[in-house]
């Protein structure tokens, strides 16, 4: 799926939140590959990256690949763990 952009506000700070479909290390011609391309575009456009991981499953192989791409971007990163209940 495409990136979804939402306008947001925190006190006097206005910003956009870009929601992506996630990340899979897949061939560019496949649906997961096209989703990855959208995620990579979002990384280039972002000033800050929220890296959401599944707290129950832990880091998956694709998470490690994504972390390396984010690290190389030089952008600040906030790690968010969901599904922790």
Foldseek 3Di string as FASTA:
>chain_A
DAWDWDWDDDPHDIDIDIDAPDADPDDCVDPNNVSNVRVLVCLLVDQEEELEDAPVVPDDPRSVVVVVSSVVSVHHYHYHYPPPD
